[in-house]
Amino acid sequence: MDFSRSDFPQDFQFGVAGSSYQIEGHGFGGAGPTHWDSFAATPGNVVGGQGGRVACDHYHRYEDDLDLAAAAGFDAWRFSTSWARVIPDGCGAVNSEGLDFYDRLVDAVLVRGMEPWATLYHWELPSALADRGGWANRDTAHWFAEFGGVIMKRIGDRVASIAPVNEPWCVSWLSHFDGHHAPGLRDIRATARTMHHILLGHGLAIGTLRALGLSNLGCVVNFEYPQPADASPDSREKSILYDEIYNRWFLGAVRGEGYPMRALQALQPYLPEGWETDFPVIESPIDWIGINYYTRKLIAQADGSAGPSFPGFREVAGSLPKSEMGWEIYPEGLLHFLRRTHRDHADGLPIYVTENGIAAQDRLSGQPESVDDRIRCRYLDNHIAQIHTALEEGIDVRGYFIWSFLDNFEWSLGYDKRFGIVHVDFDTLKRTPKASYWALREALAR
């Protein structure tokens, strides 16, 4: 890789990321069922009908995983806590095994000289709350804040940073409008209510954590760079609408800007009664902004056969090189969002790139301890270069987290797509560092 640690400020953090359901093994340690368990058990939802019962068995192998991360020279380990592991029914009785696991995990991160970065929720809702309407039910936001209090009373004194929710767009739009993730709905009313309640849950959780005396609390959103697929006014208008739904709805609300006009006009009839009064909670002060970025999308007006229904846009295949996900590789989009977030939303807050990475075809080289993923090396290097440019422009970027450390359960794609810098054999669960791991280790040592 072309970069060196010395190219960045002394306090700039390089970290790796993962999430509970994707790596831990949800069948262990007394965890309760989640809507991802039932979604995965439904034929046709997940490639191979696979789920997260074992995943990478990080629950039992976390010390070895952390040894690998520390040996590469990473400064921080970003992880999420499983609501159903801590409170199996989502509210009520607490599972002591779940609290004990995260207690051990945080201590293990610290003893290896890394900072623990915690996310309360990375998409696995307890089934008992899904039965009560899930995030479309306003009560879920309050139960979520209570969960945040329970887990952070146990580990909050030792974590370096906390974000309530990872990628609210995925929790709401991808899961309730597109239906691609659990709970697999395609319902505009449930979508609008979830888009609002997930933000309410974020704000309530921030308040709960502040009341515990905790700080360094952030908001993590995912961005895609939308461009009109052609020069037509229709494509331009639909690209703006896509941007409002994907990139502006969530962070704008948290930062006191309300909901964007075009998206609100369509979704307002489906929002919960009195939604306007929740903004003082949604706007609870945060200490940093996290950006997850992977790709750009070319947007055009949808084909007319389906009528004029909302949102009326479609994605058009672009000409840039693509990842194994079919996502275009466009590093310049990361710099665009760093600039825009700094200009429009930050108001003095530092910015972290909390996720960035690529699903790439890993090739076993013939050597038992080597996996060739040079395309990942180039991808990471090119995106890190965009952060360096942002720093030169005076944008306050404080860290960069690679998604992901381990190959893992990639949601509806099962174990088919590999984002990790460490290869996992899902039959034996053996870990093998890839070429990208070794290249990063070398760059961080320079």
Protein backbone atom coordinates (compact mmCIF):
# COMPACT_ATOMS: atom_id res chain seq x y z
CA MET A 1 0.00 0.00 0.00
CA ASP A 2 1.12 3.53 -0.72
CA PHE A 3 0.20 5.15 2.59
CA SER A 4 2.09 5.10 5.87
CA ARG A 5 0.87 5.81 9.38
CA SER A 6 3.23 8.78 9.43
CA ASP A 7 1.18 10.39 6.63
CA PHE A 8 -1.60 10.99 9.16
CA PRO A 9 -1.89 12.96 12.40
CA GLN A 10 -0.42 11.28 15.44
CA ASP A 11 -3.84 10.75 17.04
CA PHE A 12 -5.52 9.47 13.85
CA GLN A 13 -7.06 6.05 14.53
CA PHE A 14 -6.94 3.07 12.22
CA GLY A 15 -9.41 0.40 13.21
CA VAL A 16 -11.37 -2.62 12.06
CA ALA A 17 -15.06 -3.35 12.39
CA GLY A 18 -17.53 -6.19 12.75
CA SER A 19 -21.01 -6.81 14.11
CA SER A 20 -22.45 -9.19 16.68
CA TYR A 21 -24.84 -11.31 14.60
CA GLN A 22 -22.39 -11.55 11.72
CA ILE A 23 -19.48 -13.00 13.68
CA GLU A 24 -20.35 -14.06 17.24
CA GLY A 25 -22.52 -17.13 16.79
CA HIS A 26 -26.02 -16.38 17.99
CA GLY A 27 -26.62 -19.94 19.09
CA PHE A 28 -24.25 -19.52 22.02
CA GLY A 29 -24.44 -17.93 25.47
CA GLY A 30 -28.17 -17.80 26.08
CA ALA A 31 -29.05 -15.32 23.33
CA GLY A 32 -32.73 -15.02 22.51
CA PRO A 33 -34.17 -15.41 19.00
CA THR A 34 -34.11 -12.45 16.63
CA HIS A 35 -36.02 -11.47 13.53
CA TRP A 36 -32.88 -12.35 11.56
CA ASP A 37 -33.17 -15.95 12.74
CA SER A 38 -36.71 -16.24 11.43
CA PHE A 39 -35.93 -14.24 8.26
CA ALA A 40 -33.02 -16.58 7.49
CA ALA A 41 -35.15 -19.66 8.20
CA THR A 42 -37.70 -18.57 5.58
CA PRO A 43 -36.87 -20.14 2.19
CA GLY A 44 -35.63 -17.69 -0.42
CA ASN A 45 -34.55 -14.93 1.94
CA VAL A 46 -30.88 -15.83 2.44
CA VAL A 47 -28.45 -17.48 0.04
CA GLY A 48 -28.16 -21.14 0.99
CA GLY A 49 -30.71 -20.74 3.77
CA GLN A 50 -27.82 -19.83 6.04
CA GLY A 51 -28.07 -17.98 9.35
CA GLY A 52 -25.96 -16.66 12.19
CA ARG A 53 -26.21 -19.53 14.67
CA VAL A 54 -22.46 -20.23 14.47
CA ALA A 55 -21.17 -17.51 12.10
CA CYS A 56 -17.43 -17.13 12.86
CA ASP A 57 -17.79 -18.41 16.44
CA HIS A 58 -16.22 -15.17 17.65
CA TYR A 59 -18.06 -15.85 20.91
CA HIS A 60 -15.48 -18.51 21.74
CA ARG A 61 -12.58 -17.33 19.53
CA TYR A 62 -12.53 -13.60 20.29
CA GLU A 63 -9.12 -13.69 21.98
CA ASP A 64 -7.46 -15.16 18.89
CA ASP A 65 -9.25 -12.62 16.67
CA LEU A 66 -8.12 -9.73 18.85
CA ASP A 67 -4.57 -11.07 18.86
CA LEU A 68 -4.58 -10.89 15.05
CA ALA A 69 -5.96 -7.34 15.05
CA ALA A 70 -3.43 -6.13 17.60
CA ALA A 71 -0.55 -7.81 15.76
CA ALA A 72 -1.47 -5.83 12.63
CA GLY A 73 -1.11 -2.57 14.56
CA PHE A 74 -4.74 -1.44 14.62
CA ASP A 75 -5.70 1.17 17.18
CA ALA A 76 -9.39 0.36 17.64
CA TRP A 77 -11.86 -2.53 17.50
CA ARG A 78 -15.38 -1.51 16.48
CA PHE A 79 -18.00 -4.03 17.58
CA SER A 80 -21.73 -4.15 18.20
CA THR A 81 -23.72 -5.55 21.09
CA SER A 82 -26.58 -7.96 20.52
CA TRP A 83 -29.80 -6.78 22.12
CA ALA A 84 -31.18 -10.35 22.24
CA ARG A 85 -27.96 -11.66 23.79
CA VAL A 86 -28.27 -9.19 26.66
CA ILE A 87 -32.08 -9.06 27.01
CA PRO A 88 -33.48 -12.14 25.22
CA ASP A 89 -37.04 -10.79 25.00
CA GLY A 90 -35.97 -7.22 24.28
CA CYS A 91 -37.31 -5.98 27.61
CA GLY A 92 -37.49 -7.56 31.03
CA ALA A 93 -35.10 -10.24 32.24
CA VAL A 94 -31.39 -9.76 31.56
CA ASN A 95 -29.13 -12.63 30.46
CA SER A 96 -26.05 -12.54 32.66
CA GLU A 97 -24.08 -14.66 30.16
CA GLY A 98 -24.55 -11.91 27.56
CA LEU A 99 -23.32 -9.18 29.88
CA ASP A 100 -20.38 -11.35 30.92
CA PHE A 101 -19.37 -11.91 27.29
CA TYR A 102 -19.21 -8.20 26.47
CA ASP A 103 -17.42 -7.59 29.76
CA ARG A 104 -14.73 -10.09 28.76
CA LEU A 105 -14.57 -8.75 25.21
CA VAL A 106 -13.99 -5.13 26.24
CA ASP A 107 -11.29 -6.11 28.71
CA ALA A 108 -9.62 -8.25 26.05
CA VAL A 109 -9.59 -5.34 23.59
CA LEU A 110 -8.06 -3.04 26.18
CA VAL A 111 -5.36 -5.43 27.35
CA ARG A 112 -4.13 -5.63 23.75
CA GLY A 113 -3.71 -1.87 23.57
CA MET A 114 -6.72 -1.15 21.34
CA GLU A 115 -9.76 1.04 21.99
CA PRO A 116 -13.22 -0.59 22.14
CA TRP A 117 -15.73 1.24 19.93
CA ALA A 118 -19.24 0.04 20.70
CA THR A 119 -22.43 0.17 18.62
CA LEU A 120 -25.60 -0.72 20.49
CA TYR A 121 -27.63 -1.97 17.52
CA HIS A 122 -26.53 -3.57 14.27
CA TRP A 123 -29.89 -4.87 13.03
CA GLU A 124 -30.82 -7.98 15.04
CA LEU A 125 -34.10 -7.14 16.79
CA PRO A 126 -35.32 -9.57 19.48
CA SER A 127 -38.17 -11.67 18.10
CA ALA A 128 -40.43 -10.82 21.03
CA LEU A 129 -40.30 -7.15 19.98
CA ALA A 130 -40.76 -8.02 16.32
CA ASP A 131 -43.98 -9.72 17.40
CA ARG A 132 -45.10 -6.38 18.86
CA GLY A 133 -44.55 -4.53 15.61
CA GLY A 134 -40.78 -4.03 15.69
CA TRP A 135 -39.48 -0.58 14.84
CA ALA A 136 -42.86 0.45 13.44
CA ASN A 137 -44.02 0.42 17.08
CA ARG A 138 -43.01 3.57 18.96
CA ASP A 139 -42.48 1.58 22.17
CA THR A 140 -39.48 -0.14 20.58
CA ALA A 141 -37.55 3.13 20.69
CA HIS A 142 -38.05 3.30 24.46
CA TRP A 143 -37.17 -0.37 24.98
CA PHE A 144 -34.03 0.24 22.93
CA ALA A 145 -32.93 3.08 25.20
CA GLU A 146 -33.49 0.83 28.21
CA PHE A 147 -31.30 -1.85 26.60
CA GLY A 148 -28.60 0.78 26.03
CA GLY A 149 -28.68 1.61 29.71
CA VAL A 150 -28.40 -2.03 30.75
CA ILE A 151 -25.39 -2.87 28.61
CA MET A 152 -23.55 0.39 29.20
CA LYS A 153 -23.97 0.25 32.96
CA ARG A 154 -21.80 -2.85 32.62
CA ILE A 155 -19.18 -1.83 30.03
CA GLY A 156 -19.63 1.91 29.49
CA ASP A 157 -16.83 2.83 31.87
CA ARG A 158 -14.29 1.13 29.57
CA VAL A 159 -15.48 1.71 26.01
CA ALA A 160 -13.88 4.58 24.13
CA SER A 161 -16.93 5.52 22.11
CA ILE A 162 -20.58 4.56 21.63
CA ALA A 163 -23.01 4.88 18.71
CA PRO A 164 -26.62 3.84 19.27
CA VAL A 165 -27.48 2.60 15.74
CA ASN A 166 -25.50 1.43 12.74
CA GLU A 167 -26.93 2.59 9.40
CA PRO A 168 -30.55 3.60 10.09
CA TRP A 169 -31.28 3.51 6.33
CA CYS A 170 -30.68 -0.25 6.38
CA VAL A 171 -32.84 -0.72 9.47
CA SER A 172 -35.72 1.12 7.83
CA TRP A 173 -35.73 1.48 4.03
CA LEU A 174 -33.75 -1.61 3.02
CA SER A 175 -35.69 -3.79 5.46
CA HIS A 176 -39.21 -2.37 5.35
CA PHE A 177 -39.52 -0.84 1.86
CA ASP A 178 -37.19 -2.93 -0.32
CA GLY A 179 -37.72 -6.00 1.85
CA HIS A 180 -34.16 -7.27 1.38
CA HIS A 181 -33.32 -7.54 5.09
CA ALA A 182 -35.25 -8.65 8.15
CA PRO A 183 -38.14 -8.28 8.74
CA GLY A 184 -38.50 -8.42 4.95
CA LEU A 185 -41.47 -6.07 4.59
CA ARG A 186 -42.50 -4.00 1.58
CA ASP A 187 -44.82 -1.57 3.33
CA ILE A 188 -44.55 2.21 3.01
CA ARG A 189 -46.35 2.86 6.30
CA ALA A 190 -44.02 0.58 8.25
CA THR A 191 -41.09 2.16 6.41
CA ALA A 192 -41.99 5.73 7.31
CA ARG A 193 -42.66 4.86 10.92
CA THR A 194 -39.42 2.93 11.21
CA MET A 195 -37.46 5.79 9.60
CA HIS A 196 -38.81 8.03 12.35
CA HIS A 197 -38.73 5.62 15.30
CA ILE A 198 -35.15 4.52 14.67
CA LEU A 199 -34.14 8.17 14.99
CA LEU A 200 -36.26 8.54 18.11
CA GLY A 201 -34.53 5.45 19.53
CA HIS A 202 -31.16 7.00 18.71
CA GLY A 203 -32.06 10.20 20.56
CA LEU A 204 -33.54 8.40 23.56
CA ALA A 205 -30.44 6.20 23.81
CA ILE A 206 -28.17 9.26 23.68
CA GLY A 207 -30.13 10.71 26.59
CA THR A 208 -29.88 7.48 28.58
CA LEU A 209 -26.12 7.28 28.01
CA ARG A 210 -25.61 10.93 28.96
CA ALA A 211 -27.55 10.30 32.17
CA LEU A 212 -25.04 7.56 32.98
CA GLY A 213 -22.25 10.12 32.65
CA LEU A 214 -20.95 8.70 29.37
CA SER A 215 -19.48 10.77 26.56
CA ASN A 216 -17.94 10.44 23.08
CA LEU A 217 -21.33 9.48 21.68
CA GLY A 218 -21.85 9.47 17.93
CA CYS A 219 -24.20 8.90 15.03
CA VAL A 220 -23.27 6.42 12.27
CA VAL A 221 -24.95 6.78 8.87
CA ASN A 222 -24.30 5.09 5.53
CA PHE A 223 -23.92 7.10 2.34
CA GLU A 224 -24.06 6.24 -1.35
CA TYR A 225 -23.00 8.72 -4.00
CA PRO A 226 -25.97 9.21 -6.36
CA GLN A 227 -25.51 10.63 -9.84
CA PRO A 228 -28.12 11.10 -12.57
CA ALA A 229 -27.83 8.28 -15.09
CA ASP A 230 -28.28 10.76 -17.96
CA ALA A 231 -28.76 14.47 -18.60
CA SER A 232 -32.56 14.44 -18.41
CA PRO A 233 -34.39 16.57 -15.83
CA ASP A 234 -36.25 13.45 -14.66
CA SER A 235 -33.02 11.61 -13.82
CA ARG A 236 -31.66 14.67 -12.05
CA GLU A 237 -34.83 14.99 -9.96
CA LYS A 238 -34.82 11.30 -9.05
CA SER A 239 -31.15 11.47 -8.11
CA ILE A 240 -31.97 14.30 -5.70
CA LEU A 241 -34.82 12.26 -4.19
CA TYR A 242 -32.51 9.25 -3.80
CA ASP A 243 -30.01 11.49 -2.02
CA GLU A 244 -32.70 12.80 0.33
CA ILE A 245 -33.88 9.32 1.32
CA TYR A 246 -30.47 7.70 1.58
CA ASN A 247 -28.07 10.45 2.61
CA ARG A 248 -30.00 13.36 4.10
CA TRP A 249 -33.02 12.03 6.02
CA PHE A 250 -31.19 10.59 9.01
CA LEU A 251 -28.15 12.79 9.58
CA GLY A 252 -30.13 15.91 8.75
CA ALA A 253 -32.69 15.11 11.43
CA VAL A 254 -30.04 14.39 14.06
CA ARG A 255 -28.27 17.66 13.23
CA GLY A 256 -31.37 19.82 13.60
CA GLU A 257 -32.28 20.22 9.91
CA GLY A 258 -35.57 18.31 9.93
CA TYR A 259 -36.62 15.97 7.14
CA PRO A 260 -35.81 16.85 3.50
CA MET A 261 -38.65 18.28 1.42
CA ARG A 262 -39.19 15.77 -1.41
CA ALA A 263 -38.98 12.68 0.76
CA LEU A 264 -41.16 14.22 3.45
CA GLN A 265 -43.90 15.16 0.98
CA ALA A 266 -44.27 11.50 0.04
CA LEU A 267 -43.79 9.92 3.47
CA GLN A 268 -45.62 12.38 5.72
CA PRO A 269 -49.04 10.66 5.39
CA TYR A 270 -47.49 7.50 6.86
CA LEU A 271 -45.51 9.05 9.70
CA PRO A 272 -46.81 8.51 13.24
CA GLU A 273 -49.11 11.11 14.75
CA GLY A 274 -47.21 13.90 16.45
CA TRP A 275 -43.92 13.07 14.78
CA GLU A 276 -42.93 16.74 14.67
CA THR A 277 -42.72 16.90 18.47
CA ASP A 278 -39.97 14.28 18.63
CA PHE A 279 -37.24 16.42 17.09
CA PRO A 280 -35.91 17.80 20.40
CA VAL A 281 -35.09 14.18 21.37
CA ILE A 282 -33.83 13.17 17.91
CA GLU A 283 -31.52 16.21 17.95
CA SER A 284 -29.87 15.21 21.25
CA PRO A 285 -26.28 16.49 21.06
CA ILE A 286 -23.66 14.09 19.75
CA ASP A 287 -19.87 14.25 19.88
CA TRP A 288 -18.89 12.89 16.45
CA ILE A 289 -20.29 11.77 13.10
CA GLY A 290 -19.55 8.38 11.56
CA ILE A 291 -19.71 7.82 7.80
CA ASN A 292 -20.01 4.37 6.21
CA TYR A 293 -19.22 4.52 2.49
CA TYR A 294 -18.83 1.89 -0.24
CA THR A 295 -20.10 2.94 -3.67
CA ARG A 296 -21.91 5.26 -6.07
CA LYS A 297 -25.24 4.66 -7.82
CA LEU A 298 -26.51 5.95 -11.17
CA ILE A 299 -30.16 6.92 -10.81
CA ALA A 300 -32.86 7.30 -13.46
CA GLN A 301 -36.62 7.57 -13.49
CA ALA A 302 -38.31 4.21 -13.10
CA ASP A 303 -39.93 2.55 -16.07
CA GLY A 304 -43.51 3.71 -16.54
CA SER A 305 -45.05 0.25 -16.44
CA ALA A 306 -45.47 0.39 -12.66
CA GLY A 307 -47.25 3.74 -12.75
CA PRO A 308 -46.31 6.95 -10.90
CA SER A 309 -45.82 5.35 -7.49
CA PHE A 310 -43.22 6.63 -5.03
CA PRO A 311 -40.22 6.79 -5.18
CA GLY A 312 -40.18 6.26 -8.95
CA PHE A 313 -36.43 5.82 -9.39
CA ARG A 314 -34.28 2.92 -10.55
CA GLU A 315 -30.59 2.11 -10.47
CA VAL A 316 -28.71 1.92 -13.78
CA ALA A 317 -25.56 -0.15 -14.21
CA GLY A 318 -22.46 2.03 -14.47
CA SER A 319 -19.22 1.57 -16.34
CA LEU A 320 -16.77 1.64 -13.41
CA PRO A 321 -15.05 -1.49 -12.03
CA LYS A 322 -17.27 -3.31 -9.57
CA SER A 323 -16.90 -5.31 -6.39
CA GLU A 324 -18.28 -8.82 -5.92
CA MET A 325 -21.44 -7.09 -4.65
CA GLY A 326 -21.84 -5.46 -8.05
CA TRP A 327 -21.11 -2.07 -6.47
CA GLU A 328 -19.13 0.43 -8.48
CA ILE A 329 -15.74 1.36 -7.05
CA TYR A 330 -15.72 5.15 -6.72
CA PRO A 331 -13.30 6.44 -4.06
CA GLU A 332 -14.04 10.07 -4.99
CA GLY A 333 -17.48 9.65 -3.45
CA LEU A 334 -15.91 9.31 -0.01
CA LEU A 335 -14.16 12.67 -0.38
CA HIS A 336 -17.45 14.20 -1.56
CA PHE A 337 -19.22 13.09 1.62
CA LEU A 338 -16.38 14.14 3.88
CA ARG A 339 -16.56 17.61 2.34
CA ARG A 340 -20.35 17.79 2.50
CA THR A 341 -20.61 16.49 6.05
CA HIS A 342 -17.93 18.96 7.17
CA ARG A 343 -19.69 21.83 5.38
CA ASP A 344 -23.37 21.07 6.02
CA HIS A 345 -23.65 18.97 9.17
CA ALA A 346 -20.57 18.83 11.35
CA ASP A 347 -20.56 22.33 12.85
CA GLY A 348 -17.25 21.60 14.54
CA LEU A 349 -17.78 17.90 15.21
CA PRO A 350 -15.03 15.47 14.20
CA ILE A 351 -15.77 12.91 11.50
CA TYR A 352 -14.82 9.24 11.43
CA VAL A 353 -15.05 6.85 8.49
CA THR A 354 -16.62 4.04 10.49
CA GLU A 355 -16.95 1.57 7.61
CA ASN A 356 -15.26 1.19 4.24
CA GLY A 357 -14.33 -1.98 2.42
CA ILE A 358 -15.00 -4.32 -0.47
CA ALA A 359 -16.33 -7.78 -1.16
CA ALA A 360 -13.61 -9.24 -3.36
CA GLN A 361 -12.84 -12.60 -4.88
CA ASP A 362 -10.19 -14.17 -2.68
CA ARG A 363 -7.81 -16.55 -4.40
CA LEU A 364 -5.99 -19.17 -2.41
CA SER A 365 -2.44 -18.85 -3.69
CA GLY A 366 -1.36 -22.43 -3.15
CA GLN A 367 0.48 -21.42 0.00
CA PRO A 368 -1.49 -22.58 3.05
CA GLU A 369 -1.06 -19.28 4.89
CA SER A 370 -1.69 -16.87 2.03
CA VAL A 371 -4.83 -15.47 0.40
CA ASP A 372 -4.44 -13.17 -2.58
CA ASP A 373 -6.82 -10.18 -2.44
CA ARG A 374 -4.84 -7.48 -4.19
CA ILE A 375 -8.04 -5.83 -5.45
CA ARG A 376 -8.89 -5.14 -1.79
CA CYS A 377 -5.46 -3.64 -1.22
CA ARG A 378 -6.03 -1.20 -4.09
CA TYR A 379 -9.55 -0.37 -2.93
CA LEU A 380 -8.47 0.43 0.63
CA ASP A 381 -5.40 2.35 -0.48
CA ASN A 382 -7.43 4.52 -2.87
CA HIS A 383 -10.03 5.35 -0.24
CA ILE A 384 -7.43 6.11 2.41
CA ALA A 385 -5.89 8.52 -0.10
CA GLN A 386 -9.21 10.40 -0.24
CA ILE A 387 -9.11 10.82 3.54
CA HIS A 388 -5.58 12.17 3.28
CA THR A 389 -6.83 14.74 0.77
CA ALA A 390 -9.65 15.72 3.14
CA LEU A 391 -7.16 16.26 5.94
CA GLU A 392 -5.03 18.46 3.69
CA GLU A 393 -8.17 20.56 3.06
CA GLY A 394 -8.62 21.08 6.80
CA ILE A 395 -11.49 18.63 7.29
CA ASP A 396 -11.40 17.16 10.79
CA VAL A 397 -11.29 13.42 10.06
CA ARG A 398 -10.12 11.48 13.10
CA GLY A 399 -10.18 7.83 12.06
CA TYR A 400 -10.76 5.09 9.50
CA PHE A 401 -12.33 1.68 10.19
CA ILE A 402 -12.11 -1.15 7.68
CA TRP A 403 -15.14 -3.31 7.05
CA SER A 404 -14.50 -5.97 7.89
CA PHE A 405 -11.86 -7.70 9.93
CA LEU A 406 -13.28 -11.20 9.38
CA ASP A 407 -15.19 -12.74 6.54
CA ASN A 408 -18.64 -13.15 8.05
CA PHE A 409 -22.37 -13.75 7.62
CA GLU A 410 -23.22 -11.17 4.97
CA TRP A 411 -26.94 -10.95 5.79
CA SER A 412 -29.21 -11.97 2.89
CA LEU A 413 -26.12 -13.08 0.93
CA GLY A 414 -25.20 -15.66 3.57
CA TYR A 415 -21.53 -16.56 3.52
CA ASP A 416 -21.15 -16.01 -0.20
CA LYS A 417 -19.56 -12.53 -0.15
CA ARG A 418 -16.29 -11.91 1.65
CA PHE A 419 -15.39 -8.46 3.00
CA GLY A 420 -12.72 -9.55 5.49
CA ILE A 421 -9.02 -8.85 5.58
CA VAL A 422 -8.87 -12.20 7.40
CA HIS A 423 -10.16 -15.26 5.56
CA VAL A 424 -12.50 -17.59 7.46
CA ASP A 425 -13.01 -21.19 6.38
CA PHE A 426 -16.65 -21.64 7.35
CA ASP A 427 -16.26 -25.41 7.63
CA THR A 428 -13.28 -25.43 9.99
CA LEU A 429 -13.49 -21.78 11.16
CA LYS A 430 -9.77 -21.44 10.58
CA ARG A 431 -8.57 -17.84 10.24
CA THR A 432 -6.01 -16.97 7.54
CA PRO A 433 -4.77 -13.38 7.13
CA LYS A 434 -5.05 -12.17 3.54
CA ALA A 435 -2.60 -10.13 1.51
CA SER A 436 -4.53 -7.00 2.55
CA TYR A 437 -3.94 -7.82 6.22
CA TRP A 438 -0.18 -8.07 5.67
CA ALA A 439 -0.10 -4.92 3.53
CA LEU A 440 -1.98 -2.96 6.18
CA ARG A 441 0.27 -4.30 8.90
CA GLU A 442 3.30 -3.08 6.98
CA ALA A 443 1.77 0.35 6.26
CA LEU A 444 0.76 0.87 9.89
CA ALA A 445 4.28 -0.01 11.03
CA ARG A 446 5.86 2.65 8.81
